[in-house]
């Protein structure tokens, strides 16, 4: 059931590592998300400790499994949609004014949003098809940041209501500050403390960057005013 939609990058890495042949021998496995996940768990449990080259496979499989399991049932989509409508109306009110008018108000991360950090930039190969693309991505290990966001709209083509969005390290850090209700003023001060040893001129530029990022996060409804 939609294996190639929900686990496409996992399948591509399996092919890249010459491990996919064992899966396609049993057609039932590639037609069932449950059987596919069971087979993946067996493969990783049996071989991971002996073969560290499977680290990228483990990571992308964990990401895609989490994304798949986060899909909202159609009967509860209306609850998410109603929340989105409410927050979007509040967002327009905030952005049409001055953000500093809300510095003492508490904001919180969108409850339908999950933060993630990965060692490989899977976004770079989201539409890749060649082994060279995967080889270059796997070589470039680092720190990458992204989110899953549940929406009130179900995409019938992708069979999901989850949006995957890659974000900057700054955005990731700021969003993490709002995992509990926090005032904008407190978040700004916490962000500034990461750059204590910079010039006054750079501090002014930094403050402008913070305001721009906060406005962006409000606009994207990644954070909302916690009343």
Protein backbone atom coordinates (compact mmCIF):
# COMPACT_ATOMS: atom_id res chain seq x y z
CA UNK A 1 0.00 0.00 0.00
CA UNK A 2 1.76 3.14 -1.30
CA UNK A 3 5.23 1.85 -0.35
CA UNK A 4 6.89 3.84 -3.12
CA UNK A 5 5.15 7.00 -1.91
CA UNK A 6 5.88 6.77 1.80
CA UNK A 7 9.27 5.01 1.71
CA UNK A 8 10.66 6.12 -1.65
CA UNK A 9 14.00 7.39 -0.33
CA UNK A 10 14.41 4.28 1.82
CA UNK A 11 13.81 2.09 -1.23
CA UNK A 12 16.28 4.14 -3.28
CA UNK A 13 18.97 3.74 -0.59
CA UNK A 14 18.24 0.00 -0.45
CA UNK A 15 18.84 -0.11 -4.20
CA UNK A 16 21.97 2.00 -3.84
CA UNK A 17 23.33 -0.49 -1.29
CA UNK A 18 22.27 -3.50 -3.40
CA UNK A 19 19.89 -4.67 -0.68
CA UNK A 20 16.57 -4.29 -2.45
CA UNK A 21 16.59 -7.57 -4.38
CA UNK A 22 15.61 -9.54 -1.28
CA UNK A 23 12.55 -7.34 -0.88
CA UNK A 24 11.19 -7.62 -4.39
CA UNK A 25 11.39 -11.42 -4.29
CA UNK A 26 8.29 -11.32 -2.14
CA UNK A 27 5.76 -9.08 -3.88
CA UNK A 28 3.60 -8.94 -0.78
CA UNK A 29 6.32 -7.04 1.07
CA UNK A 30 6.42 -4.17 -1.40
CA UNK A 31 2.62 -3.99 -1.45
CA UNK A 32 2.12 -3.69 2.30
CA UNK A 33 3.50 -0.96 4.57
CA UNK A 34 3.24 -3.30 7.56
CA UNK A 35 5.20 -6.14 5.91
CA UNK A 36 7.73 -3.67 4.52
CA UNK A 37 8.38 -2.20 7.97
CA UNK A 38 8.67 -5.67 9.50
CA UNK A 39 11.22 -6.69 6.87
CA UNK A 40 13.18 -3.45 7.32
CA UNK A 41 13.32 -3.97 11.08
CA UNK A 42 14.64 -7.50 10.57
CA UNK A 43 17.29 -6.30 8.13
CA UNK A 44 18.54 -3.48 10.34
CA UNK A 45 18.50 -5.53 13.55
CA UNK A 46 20.42 -8.36 11.89
CA UNK A 47 23.10 -6.39 10.10
CA UNK A 48 23.45 -2.88 11.55
CA UNK A 49 26.03 -3.66 14.24
CA UNK A 50 28.20 -5.44 11.70
CA UNK A 51 27.89 -2.87 8.93
CA UNK A 52 28.07 0.82 9.77
CA UNK A 53 27.49 1.78 6.13
CA UNK A 54 23.81 1.17 6.92
CA UNK A 55 23.70 4.32 9.09
CA UNK A 56 22.21 6.44 6.27
CA UNK A 57 19.64 3.72 5.58
CA UNK A 58 18.66 3.57 9.24
CA UNK A 59 18.28 7.34 9.38
CA UNK A 60 16.14 7.80 6.28
CA UNK A 61 14.01 4.77 7.15
CA UNK A 62 13.41 6.18 10.65
CA UNK A 63 12.48 9.56 9.16
CA UNK A 64 10.08 8.13 6.59
CA UNK A 65 8.54 5.73 9.10
CA UNK A 66 7.92 8.59 11.51
CA UNK A 67 6.42 10.67 8.72
CA UNK A 68 4.17 7.81 7.64
CA UNK A 69 2.99 7.13 11.18
CA UNK A 70 2.22 10.85 11.67
CA UNK A 71 -0.39 10.92 8.90
CA UNK A 72 -3.71 12.08 10.31
CA UNK A 73 -6.78 9.95 9.82
CA UNK A 74 -9.20 11.61 7.41
CA UNK A 75 -11.96 11.78 10.01
CA UNK A 76 -9.81 14.00 12.26
CA UNK A 77 -8.54 16.34 9.53
CA UNK A 78 -11.32 18.81 10.28
CA UNK A 79 -9.93 19.39 13.78
CA UNK A 80 -6.53 20.30 12.32
CA UNK A 81 -8.16 22.50 9.66
CA UNK A 82 -10.24 24.39 12.23
CA UNK A 83 -7.10 25.02 14.28
CA UNK A 84 -5.29 26.29 11.17
CA UNK A 85 -8.11 28.72 10.37
CA UNK A 86 -8.09 30.09 13.90
CA UNK A 87 -4.30 30.54 13.98
CA UNK A 88 -4.18 32.10 10.50
CA UNK A 89 -6.69 34.75 11.58
CA UNK A 90 -4.58 35.49 14.66
CA UNK A 91 -1.44 35.56 12.51
CA UNK A 92 -2.85 38.25 10.21
CA UNK A 93 -3.71 40.40 13.23
CA UNK A 94 -0.15 40.11 14.58
CA UNK A 95 1.67 40.71 11.28
CA UNK A 96 -0.51 43.68 10.34
CA UNK A 97 0.73 45.43 13.48
CA UNK A 98 4.13 45.84 15.11
CA UNK A 99 5.76 42.68 16.39
CA UNK A 100 7.26 44.53 19.36
CA UNK A 101 3.70 45.10 20.61
CA UNK A 102 3.69 41.36 21.38
CA UNK A 103 7.16 41.06 22.96
CA UNK A 104 5.66 40.34 26.40
CA UNK A 105 3.14 37.81 25.06
CA UNK A 106 3.88 34.11 25.23
CA UNK A 107 4.21 32.12 22.03
CA UNK A 108 4.41 28.37 21.53
CA UNK A 109 5.45 25.99 18.77
CA UNK A 110 2.64 24.73 16.55
CA UNK A 111 1.30 21.52 18.22
CA UNK A 112 1.03 19.90 14.78
CA UNK A 113 4.72 20.45 14.08
CA UNK A 114 7.66 18.17 14.92
CA UNK A 115 11.31 19.22 14.87
CA UNK A 116 13.98 16.91 13.48
CA UNK A 117 17.73 16.89 13.02
CA UNK A 118 19.57 14.56 10.65
CA UNK A 119 23.16 13.74 9.67
CA UNK A 120 22.42 13.68 5.94
CA UNK A 121 20.62 16.17 3.74
CA UNK A 122 17.83 14.03 2.37
CA UNK A 123 16.14 17.04 0.85
CA UNK A 124 18.93 17.22 -1.74
CA UNK A 125 17.99 13.82 -3.12
CA UNK A 126 14.23 14.08 -2.82
CA UNK A 127 13.96 14.03 -6.61
CA UNK A 128 17.25 12.29 -7.41
CA UNK A 129 17.38 9.04 -9.30
CA UNK A 130 21.05 8.20 -9.89
CA UNK A 131 23.56 6.38 -7.69
CA UNK A 132 25.89 9.34 -8.00
CA UNK A 133 23.35 11.58 -6.27
CA UNK A 134 23.11 9.20 -3.31
CA UNK A 135 26.86 8.67 -3.15
CA UNK A 136 27.51 12.41 -2.90
CA UNK A 137 24.81 12.89 -0.27
CA UNK A 138 26.03 10.02 1.90
CA UNK A 139 29.60 11.36 1.76
CA UNK A 140 28.46 14.80 2.98
CA UNK A 141 27.66 14.03 6.60
CA UNK A 142 26.78 17.05 8.74
CA UNK A 143 23.91 18.63 10.66
CA UNK A 144 20.64 19.27 8.86
CA UNK A 145 17.30 20.46 10.21
CA UNK A 146 13.71 19.99 9.11
CA UNK A 147 10.14 19.70 10.32
CA UNK A 148 7.05 17.61 9.74
CA UNK A 149 3.84 19.62 9.86
CA UNK A 150 0.37 18.10 9.96
CA UNK A 151 -2.10 20.04 7.84
CA UNK A 152 -5.87 20.05 7.55
CA UNK A 153 -5.68 19.06 3.87
CA UNK A 154 -5.16 15.52 2.63
CA UNK A 155 -3.17 15.14 -0.58
CA UNK A 156 -4.82 12.31 -2.52
CA UNK A 157 -1.79 11.91 -4.78
CA UNK A 158 0.79 11.66 -1.99
CA UNK A 159 -1.72 9.98 0.37
CA UNK A 160 -0.62 12.21 3.21
CA UNK A 161 -1.37 15.43 5.06
CA UNK A 162 2.24 15.86 6.24
CA UNK A 163 4.46 18.61 4.85
CA UNK A 164 8.21 18.11 5.12
CA UNK A 165 10.12 21.40 5.25
CA UNK A 166 13.84 21.96 5.64
CA UNK A 167 14.83 24.86 7.90
CA UNK A 168 18.01 26.66 8.89
CA UNK A 169 19.94 25.98 12.08
CA UNK A 170 18.83 29.38 13.41
CA UNK A 171 15.18 28.55 12.75
CA UNK A 172 15.61 25.18 14.44
CA UNK A 173 17.17 26.82 17.50
CA UNK A 174 14.47 29.48 17.78
CA UNK A 175 11.66 26.96 17.36
CA UNK A 176 13.15 24.81 20.10
CA UNK A 177 12.86 27.79 22.47
CA UNK A 178 9.09 27.73 22.02
CA UNK A 179 8.56 24.07 22.90
CA UNK A 180 7.19 25.50 26.14
CA UNK A 181 5.27 28.82 26.19
CA UNK A 182 7.85 31.61 26.03
CA UNK A 183 7.63 35.37 25.53
CA UNK A 184 9.17 36.81 22.38
CA UNK A 185 11.37 38.99 24.58
CA UNK A 186 12.76 35.94 26.41
CA UNK A 187 13.40 34.09 23.16
CA UNK A 188 15.22 37.09 21.67
CA UNK A 189 17.45 37.42 24.74
CA UNK A 190 18.23 33.69 24.69
CA UNK A 191 19.17 33.89 21.01
CA UNK A 192 21.35 36.97 21.63
CA UNK A 193 23.31 35.14 24.33
CA UNK A 194 24.63 32.80 21.66
CA UNK A 195 26.43 35.80 20.13
CA UNK A 196 27.76 37.68 23.14
CA UNK A 197 31.22 38.42 21.71
CA UNK A 198 30.19 40.41 18.65
CA UNK A 199 30.46 44.13 17.90
CA UNK A 200 27.67 46.64 18.53
CA UNK A 201 27.19 46.98 14.78
CA UNK A 202 26.83 43.22 14.42
CA UNK A 203 24.40 43.20 17.36
CA UNK A 204 22.12 45.60 15.48
CA UNK A 205 22.25 43.35 12.42
CA UNK A 206 21.59 40.32 14.62
CA UNK A 207 18.51 41.96 16.16
CA UNK A 208 17.14 42.64 12.68
CA UNK A 209 17.74 39.01 11.72
CA UNK A 210 15.91 37.79 14.84
CA UNK A 211 12.87 39.95 14.09
CA UNK A 212 12.80 38.76 10.48
CA UNK A 213 13.01 35.11 11.58
CA UNK A 214 10.28 35.54 14.19
CA UNK A 215 7.97 37.18 11.66
CA UNK A 216 8.68 34.35 9.22
CA UNK A 217 7.87 31.70 11.84
CA UNK A 218 4.64 33.49 12.75
CA UNK A 219 3.72 33.79 9.07
CA UNK A 220 4.36 30.09 8.51
CA UNK A 221 2.29 29.34 11.65
CA UNK A 222 5.27 27.46 13.06
CA UNK A 223 4.71 29.44 16.27
CA UNK A 224 1.50 31.00 17.57
CA UNK A 225 0.42 33.30 20.38
CA UNK A 226 -0.34 31.17 23.43
CA UNK A 227 -3.43 32.55 25.15
